[in-house]
Amino acid sequence: MTRSEWSQAANIFAHIINPNVRVLNKYGCLLREHLNNLSDALKCHQQALLKATNREHAETLIYLGLVHKNMK
């Protein structure tokens, strides 16, 4: 991944208002499928956050934390 791609991905991550919100499993799977493409992974996660409404029955995405840690 190039420096500009990391920068773009970091910018996308910055626009996620609450990265700790719980999201539905199917969106977690979507994120895992896109881990080789960080920009797409974060876009998928951002969309998942927008669609997540039932936080009681959702699971925390561990992968977002791993992606964020790798970006630092």
Protein backbone atom coordinates (compact mmCIF):
# COMPACT_ATOMS: atom_id res chain seq x y z
CA MET A 1 0.00 0.00 0.00
CA THR A 2 1.40 3.38 -0.95
CA ARG A 3 1.78 6.32 1.41
CA SER A 4 -1.07 8.16 -0.35
CA GLU A 5 -3.34 5.13 0.10
CA TRP A 6 -2.53 5.02 3.83
CA SER A 7 -3.24 8.75 4.01
CA GLN A 8 -6.59 8.26 2.26
CA ALA A 9 -7.46 5.38 4.56
CA ALA A 10 -6.52 7.42 7.63
CA ASN A 11 -8.73 10.24 6.36
CA ILE A 12 -11.65 7.83 5.94
CA PHE A 13 -11.04 6.45 9.43
CA ALA A 14 -11.05 9.99 10.85
CA HIS A 15 -14.55 10.52 9.47
CA ILE A 16 -15.97 7.57 11.42
CA ILE A 17 -17.62 9.36 14.32
CA ASN A 18 -17.59 6.50 16.82
CA PRO A 19 -15.13 3.74 15.89
CA ASN A 20 -16.06 1.80 19.04
CA VAL A 21 -19.71 1.40 18.09
CA ARG A 22 -20.87 -2.19 17.75
CA VAL A 23 -21.84 -3.34 14.27
CA LEU A 24 -23.61 -6.38 12.91
CA ASN A 25 -21.66 -9.55 12.14
CA LYS A 26 -22.29 -9.46 8.40
CA TYR A 27 -20.59 -6.10 8.20
CA GLY A 28 -17.69 -7.48 10.20
CA CYS A 29 -17.30 -10.22 7.62
CA LEU A 30 -17.37 -7.56 4.91
CA LEU A 31 -14.52 -5.75 6.65
CA ARG A 32 -12.44 -8.92 6.97
CA GLU A 33 -12.88 -9.63 3.26
CA HIS A 34 -11.43 -6.21 2.47
CA LEU A 35 -8.50 -6.23 4.89
CA ASN A 36 -6.10 -6.48 1.96
CA ASN A 37 -7.47 -3.15 0.76
CA LEU A 38 -7.52 -0.83 3.76
CA SER A 39 -9.34 2.01 2.01
CA ASP A 40 -12.21 -0.28 1.01
CA ALA A 41 -12.22 -1.94 4.43
CA LEU A 42 -12.68 1.39 6.18
CA LYS A 43 -15.35 2.48 3.70
CA CYS A 44 -17.20 -0.77 4.40
CA HIS A 45 -16.90 -0.20 8.12
CA GLN A 46 -18.10 3.38 7.80
CA GLN A 47 -21.16 2.16 5.89
CA ALA A 48 -21.72 -0.51 8.52
CA LEU A 49 -21.70 2.12 11.26
CA LEU A 50 -24.29 4.13 9.38
CA LYS A 51 -26.52 1.04 9.00
CA ALA A 52 -26.05 -0.38 12.50
CA THR A 53 -29.18 0.26 14.54
CA ASN A 54 -29.52 -2.68 16.93
CA ARG A 55 -26.47 -2.30 19.14
CA GLU A 56 -27.79 -4.76 21.72
CA HIS A 57 -27.38 -7.76 19.40
CA ALA A 58 -24.17 -6.73 17.62
CA GLU A 59 -20.56 -7.67 18.16
CA THR A 60 -17.58 -5.35 18.45
CA LEU A 61 -15.30 -5.35 15.46
CA ILE A 62 -11.86 -6.25 16.68
CA TYR A 63 -10.41 -5.77 13.23
CA LEU A 64 -11.01 -2.03 13.20
CA GLY A 65 -8.81 -1.71 16.27
CA LEU A 66 -6.11 -3.78 14.58
CA VAL A 67 -6.31 -1.62 11.46
CA HIS A 68 -6.14 1.55 13.55
CA LYS A 69 -3.16 0.23 15.51
CA ASN A 70 -1.33 -0.59 12.27
CA MET A 71 -2.00 2.92 10.96
CA LYS A 72 -0.30 4.62 13.91
